[in-house]
Amino acid sequence: MAMQSPRKRWVFTLAGSNPVSSAERRLKNMKKTNKKLSAGGIVFKKKGREVYWLIVKPKKSKKWCLPKGYLSGAESTVAAAKREVREEAGIENQLLEKVGEKKDFFYQDKQKIPETVVFYLMEYLADTEESFNGETDKIVWLPLKKALTRLVFDKEKELLKEAVDLLKQLEKQQKE
């Protein structure tokens, strides 16, 4: 029995639920402090039975990571995640579900700034006409084991594993 395209099967997942509510509620509080809220995508592409995962290498960095970035103005985490994947990887995507969050920090003007990055499971749809932007040096599509080896940050590796489990759950739900 031939399987339908995942984007046709999973469109319902966003219609009946709000996968961003907890992150969005914290956004107002974060703006009042020095905390930062970012969003990103854990993007997969299927070729036959194989699943490949998107990993990016930003310019001025030797670290491979998942595409992510800051929210722009009053932008939602969903809109920011879709935009960041489009800009950093040059691809259009279908957002499926929230995977989880990565809590981290960075230094700005010698001050430690806490940051929360909300990640979403996304399916590759097509390359954009513009390709990726000037922030990205390279992008690669890798099978899970190689993607886990290439990623530098442990929390991103954990989130990728969670995305794999979520994808399996969504596929199982579709078969039922």
C-alpha atoms as a PDB file:
ATOM      1  CA  MET A   1       0.000   0.000   0.000  1.00  0.00           C
ATOM      2  CA  ALA A   2       1.517   3.336  -1.028  1.00  0.00           C
ATOM      3  CA  MET A   3       1.878   5.944   1.697  1.00  0.00           C
ATOM      4  CA  GLN A   4       0.633   9.497   1.240  1.00  0.00           C
ATOM      5  CA  SER A   5       2.951  12.448   1.480  1.00  0.00           C
ATOM      6  CA  PRO A   6       3.540  13.356   5.162  1.00  0.00           C
ATOM      7  CA  ARG A   7       2.456  16.960   4.603  1.00  0.00           C
ATOM      8  CA  LYS A   8      -0.959  15.722   3.501  1.00  0.00           C
ATOM      9  CA  ARG A   9      -1.244  13.376   6.460  1.00  0.00           C
ATOM     10  CA  TRP A  10      -0.206  15.725   9.252  1.00  0.00           C
ATOM     11  CA  VAL A  11      -1.830  19.019   8.416  1.00  0.00           C
ATOM     12  CA  PHE A  12      -4.438  18.250  11.105  1.00  0.00           C
ATOM     13  CA  THR A  13      -1.849  18.361  13.891  1.00  0.00           C
ATOM     14  CA  LEU A  14      -1.825  22.157  14.014  1.00  0.00           C
ATOM     15  CA  ALA A  15      -5.534  22.681  13.415  1.00  0.00           C
ATOM     16  CA  GLY A  16      -6.751  21.324  16.743  1.00  0.00           C
ATOM     17  CA  SER A  17      -3.896  22.289  19.023  1.00  0.00           C
ATOM     18  CA  ASN A  18      -1.652  25.178  19.904  1.00  0.00           C
ATOM     19  CA  PRO A  19       1.906  23.803  20.050  1.00  0.00           C
ATOM     20  CA  VAL A  20       3.423  27.144  21.018  1.00  0.00           C
ATOM     21  CA  SER A  21       1.231  28.414  23.834  1.00  0.00           C
ATOM     22  CA  SER A  22       3.693  28.005  26.732  1.00  0.00           C
ATOM     23  CA  ALA A  23       6.577  29.610  24.813  1.00  0.00           C
ATOM     24  CA  GLU A  24       4.367  32.422  23.556  1.00  0.00           C
ATOM     25  CA  ARG A  25       3.105  33.156  27.077  1.00  0.00           C
ATOM     26  CA  ARG A  26       6.692  33.524  28.280  1.00  0.00           C
ATOM     27  CA  LEU A  27       7.568  35.883  25.430  1.00  0.00           C
ATOM     28  CA  LYS A  28       6.002  38.910  27.120  1.00  0.00           C
ATOM     29  CA  ASN A  29       7.860  38.184  30.369  1.00  0.00           C
ATOM     30  CA  MET A  30      11.157  37.642  28.523  1.00  0.00           C
ATOM     31  CA  LYS A  31      10.880  41.014  26.784  1.00  0.00           C
ATOM     32  CA  LYS A  32      10.732  42.703  30.183  1.00  0.00           C
ATOM     33  CA  THR A  33      14.041  41.126  31.201  1.00  0.00           C
ATOM     34  CA  ASN A  34      17.344  40.446  29.475  1.00  0.00           C
ATOM     35  CA  LYS A  35      16.183  36.956  28.478  1.00  0.00           C
ATOM     36  CA  LYS A  36      16.085  36.029  24.780  1.00  0.00           C
ATOM     37  CA  LEU A  37      13.602  33.784  22.983  1.00  0.00           C
ATOM     38  CA  SER A  38      14.587  32.110  19.716  1.00  0.00           C
ATOM     39  CA  ALA A  39      13.060  29.477  17.457  1.00  0.00           C
ATOM     40  CA  GLY A  40      14.362  26.848  15.084  1.00  0.00           C
ATOM     41  CA  GLY A  41      13.543  23.810  13.022  1.00  0.00           C
ATOM     42  CA  ILE A  42      14.447  20.151  13.049  1.00  0.00           C
ATOM     43  CA  VAL A  43      13.847  19.458   9.381  1.00  0.00           C
ATOM     44  CA  PHE A  44      13.603  16.071   7.692  1.00  0.00           C
ATOM     45  CA  LYS A  45      13.442  14.974   4.076  1.00  0.00           C
ATOM     46  CA  LYS A  46      12.487  11.492   2.903  1.00  0.00           C
ATOM     47  CA  LYS A  47      14.041   9.731  -0.065  1.00  0.00           C
ATOM     48  CA  GLY A  48      12.346   6.379  -0.423  1.00  0.00           C
ATOM     49  CA  ARG A  49      12.524   4.755   3.005  1.00  0.00           C
ATOM     50  CA  GLU A  50      15.514   6.838   4.113  1.00  0.00           C
ATOM     51  CA  VAL A  51      15.092   9.917   6.316  1.00  0.00           C
ATOM     52  CA  TYR A  52      17.646  12.720   6.143  1.00  0.00           C
ATOM     53  CA  TRP A  53      18.046  15.543   8.650  1.00  0.00           C
ATOM     54  CA  LEU A  54      19.107  19.133   7.951  1.00  0.00           C
ATOM     55  CA  ILE A  55      22.239  20.439   9.676  1.00  0.00           C
ATOM     56  CA  VAL A  56      23.747  23.910   9.062  1.00  0.00           C
ATOM     57  CA  LYS A  57      27.183  25.448   9.605  1.00  0.00           C
ATOM     58  CA  PRO A  58      26.972  29.192  10.255  1.00  0.00           C
ATOM     59  CA  LYS A  59      29.636  31.487   8.832  1.00  0.00           C
ATOM     60  CA  LYS A  60      32.349  32.448  11.313  1.00  0.00           C
ATOM     61  CA  SER A  61      31.825  29.143  13.137  1.00  0.00           C
ATOM     62  CA  LYS A  62      33.188  25.628  12.962  1.00  0.00           C
ATOM     63  CA  LYS A  63      30.144  24.263  14.805  1.00  0.00           C
ATOM     64  CA  TRP A  64      27.402  22.389  12.970  1.00  0.00           C
ATOM     65  CA  CYS A  65      23.947  22.964  14.445  1.00  0.00           C
ATOM     66  CA  LEU A  66      20.212  23.075  13.804  1.00  0.00           C
ATOM     67  CA  PRO A  67      18.877  26.196  12.056  1.00  0.00           C
ATOM     68  CA  LYS A  68      17.581  28.747  14.562  1.00  0.00           C
ATOM     69  CA  GLY A  69      17.434  32.446  15.309  1.00  0.00           C
ATOM     70  CA  TYR A  70      15.835  35.299  17.229  1.00  0.00           C
ATOM     71  CA  LEU A  71      12.234  36.356  16.934  1.00  0.00           C
ATOM     72  CA  SER A  72      11.714  39.565  14.977  1.00  0.00           C
ATOM     73  CA  GLY A  73       9.448  42.081  16.718  1.00  0.00           C
ATOM     74  CA  ALA A  74       6.111  40.540  17.714  1.00  0.00           C
ATOM     75  CA  GLU A  75       6.763  37.439  15.584  1.00  0.00           C
ATOM     76  CA  SER A  76       5.547  34.097  16.994  1.00  0.00           C
ATOM     77  CA  THR A  77       7.935  31.217  17.559  1.00  0.00           C
ATOM     78  CA  VAL A  78       6.196  29.320  14.729  1.00  0.00           C
ATOM     79  CA  ALA A  79       6.706  32.174  12.246  1.00  0.00           C
ATOM     80  CA  ALA A  80      10.288  32.708  13.418  1.00  0.00           C
ATOM     81  CA  ALA A  81      11.158  29.005  13.093  1.00  0.00           C
ATOM     82  CA  LYS A  82       9.771  28.834   9.554  1.00  0.00           C
ATOM     83  CA  ARG A  83      11.568  32.071   8.596  1.00  0.00           C
ATOM     84  CA  GLU A  84      14.893  31.007  10.110  1.00  0.00           C
ATOM     85  CA  VAL A  85      14.841  27.657   8.281  1.00  0.00           C
ATOM     86  CA  ARG A  86      13.982  29.444   5.027  1.00  0.00           C
ATOM     87  CA  GLU A  87      16.747  32.042   5.516  1.00  0.00           C
ATOM     88  CA  GLU A  88      19.501  29.810   6.908  1.00  0.00           C
ATOM     89  CA  ALA A  89      18.886  26.753   4.727  1.00  0.00           C
ATOM     90  CA  GLY A  90      17.090  28.109   1.674  1.00  0.00           C
ATOM     91  CA  ILE A  91      14.141  25.736   1.971  1.00  0.00           C
ATOM     92  CA  GLU A  92      10.384  25.909   2.322  1.00  0.00           C
ATOM     93  CA  ASN A  93       8.969  23.698   5.033  1.00  0.00           C
ATOM     94  CA  GLN A  94       5.798  22.372   6.624  1.00  0.00           C
ATOM     95  CA  LEU A  95       5.752  22.781  10.400  1.00  0.00           C
ATOM     96  CA  LEU A  96       4.336  19.669  12.072  1.00  0.00           C
ATOM     97  CA  GLU A  97       4.716  19.802  15.865  1.00  0.00           C
ATOM     98  CA  LYS A  98       6.725  21.374  18.658  1.00  0.00           C
ATOM     99  CA  VAL A  99       9.632  19.099  19.657  1.00  0.00           C
ATOM    100  CA  GLY A 100      10.998  20.876  22.714  1.00  0.00           C
ATOM    101  CA  GLU A 101      13.172  23.659  24.041  1.00  0.00           C
ATOM    102  CA  LYS A 102      16.861  24.270  24.530  1.00  0.00           C
ATOM    103  CA  LYS A 103      17.823  26.530  27.427  1.00  0.00           C
ATOM    104  CA  ASP A 104      21.229  28.130  27.133  1.00  0.00           C
ATOM    105  CA  PHE A 105      23.033  31.429  27.628  1.00  0.00           C
ATOM    106  CA  PHE A 106      25.438  33.713  25.838  1.00  0.00           C
ATOM    107  CA  TYR A 107      27.496  36.746  26.779  1.00  0.00           C
ATOM    108  CA  GLN A 108      26.717  40.237  25.549  1.00  0.00           C
ATOM    109  CA  ASP A 109      28.711  43.224  26.803  1.00  0.00           C
ATOM    110  CA  LYS A 110      30.208  40.991  29.522  1.00  0.00           C
ATOM    111  CA  GLN A 111      26.709  40.143  30.768  1.00  0.00           C
ATOM    112  CA  LYS A 112      25.352  36.584  30.853  1.00  0.00           C
ATOM    113  CA  ILE A 113      22.048  36.480  28.919  1.00  0.00           C
ATOM    114  CA  PRO A 114      19.728  33.450  29.311  1.00  0.00           C
ATOM    115  CA  GLU A 115      18.173  32.157  26.102  1.00  0.00           C
ATOM    116  CA  THR A 116      15.386  29.707  25.303  1.00  0.00           C
ATOM    117  CA  VAL A 117      15.206  28.195  21.811  1.00  0.00           C
ATOM    118  CA  VAL A 118      11.908  26.524  20.830  1.00  0.00           C
ATOM    119  CA  PHE A 119      12.373  23.795  18.196  1.00  0.00           C
ATOM    120  CA  TYR A 120       9.728  22.419  15.819  1.00  0.00           C
ATOM    121  CA  LEU A 121       9.622  19.291  13.678  1.00  0.00           C
ATOM    122  CA  MET A 122       9.385  20.325  10.026  1.00  0.00           C
ATOM    123  CA  GLU A 123       9.180  18.541   6.719  1.00  0.00           C
ATOM    124  CA  TYR A 124      11.161  19.733   3.692  1.00  0.00           C
ATOM    125  CA  LEU A 125       8.901  20.946   0.877  1.00  0.00           C
ATOM    126  CA  ALA A 126      11.171  22.640  -1.695  1.00  0.00           C
ATOM    127  CA  ASP A 127      14.283  24.730  -2.183  1.00  0.00           C
ATOM    128  CA  THR A 128      13.684  28.484  -2.281  1.00  0.00           C
ATOM    129  CA  GLU A 129      14.749  30.562  -5.258  1.00  0.00           C
ATOM    130  CA  GLU A 130      17.087  32.631  -3.066  1.00  0.00           C
ATOM    131  CA  SER A 131      19.079  29.721  -1.572  1.00  0.00           C
ATOM    132  CA  PHE A 132      20.421  30.299   1.940  1.00  0.00           C
ATOM    133  CA  ASN A 133      21.454  33.680   3.303  1.00  0.00           C
ATOM    134  CA  GLY A 134      24.792  35.188   4.236  1.00  0.00           C
ATOM    135  CA  GLU A 135      24.686  33.803   7.790  1.00  0.00           C
ATOM    136  CA  THR A 136      25.179  30.213   6.596  1.00  0.00           C
ATOM    137  CA  ASP A 137      28.364  28.720   5.203  1.00  0.00           C
ATOM    138  CA  LYS A 138      27.091  25.194   4.410  1.00  0.00           C
ATOM    139  CA  ILE A 139      24.051  22.962   4.759  1.00  0.00           C
ATOM    140  CA  VAL A 140      23.937  19.165   4.681  1.00  0.00           C
ATOM    141  CA  TRP A 141      21.255  16.473   4.722  1.00  0.00           C
ATOM    142  CA  LEU A 142      22.413  13.481   6.769  1.00  0.00           C
ATOM    143  CA  PRO A 143      20.990  10.184   8.000  1.00  0.00           C
ATOM    144  CA  LEU A 144      20.349  10.139  11.749  1.00  0.00           C
ATOM    145  CA  LYS A 145      23.626   8.558  12.928  1.00  0.00           C
ATOM    146  CA  LYS A 146      25.764  10.944  10.874  1.00  0.00           C
ATOM    147  CA  ALA A 147      23.647  13.933  11.896  1.00  0.00           C
ATOM    148  CA  LEU A 148      24.115  13.052  15.570  1.00  0.00           C
ATOM    149  CA  THR A 149      27.870  12.812  15.025  1.00  0.00           C
ATOM    150  CA  ARG A 150      28.030  16.138  13.162  1.00  0.00           C
ATOM    151  CA  LEU A 151      25.965  18.159  15.657  1.00  0.00           C
ATOM    152  CA  VAL A 152      28.139  19.822  18.311  1.00  0.00           C
ATOM    153  CA  PHE A 153      25.640  20.650  21.061  1.00  0.00           C
ATOM    154  CA  ASP A 154      24.388  17.793  23.258  1.00  0.00           C
ATOM    155  CA  LYS A 155      20.961  19.353  23.781  1.00  0.00           C
ATOM    156  CA  GLU A 156      20.464  19.609  20.004  1.00  0.00           C
ATOM    157  CA  LYS A 157      21.382  15.926  19.706  1.00  0.00           C
ATOM    158  CA  GLU A 158      18.745  15.111  22.331  1.00  0.00           C
ATOM    159  CA  LEU A 159      16.161  17.227  20.519  1.00  0.00           C
ATOM    160  CA  LEU A 160      16.965  15.485  17.229  1.00  0.00           C
ATOM    161  CA  LYS A 161      16.338  12.104  18.893  1.00  0.00           C
ATOM    162  CA  GLU A 162      13.054  13.441  20.267  1.00  0.00           C
ATOM    163  CA  ALA A 163      12.123  14.620  16.755  1.00  0.00           C
ATOM    164  CA  VAL A 164      12.796  11.125  15.391  1.00  0.00           C
ATOM    165  CA  ASP A 165      10.484   9.648  18.048  1.00  0.00           C
ATOM    166  CA  LEU A 166       7.816  12.262  17.301  1.00  0.00           C
ATOM    167  CA  LEU A 167       7.999  11.524  13.586  1.00  0.00           C
ATOM    168  CA  LYS A 168       7.531   7.810  14.307  1.00  0.00           C
ATOM    169  CA  GLN A 169       4.513   8.592  16.505  1.00  0.00           C
ATOM    170  CA  LEU A 170       2.945  10.735  13.786  1.00  0.00           C
ATOM    171  CA  GLU A 171       3.485   7.984  11.219  1.00  0.00           C
ATOM    172  CA  LYS A 172       1.962   5.417  13.576  1.00  0.00           C
ATOM    173  CA  GLN A 173      -1.074   7.632  14.202  1.00  0.00           C
ATOM    174  CA  GLN A 174      -1.593   7.968  10.468  1.00  0.00           C
ATOM    175  CA  LYS A 175      -1.637   4.204  10.002  1.00  0.00           C
ATOM    176  CA  GLU A 176      -4.297   3.748  12.703  1.00  0.00           C
END
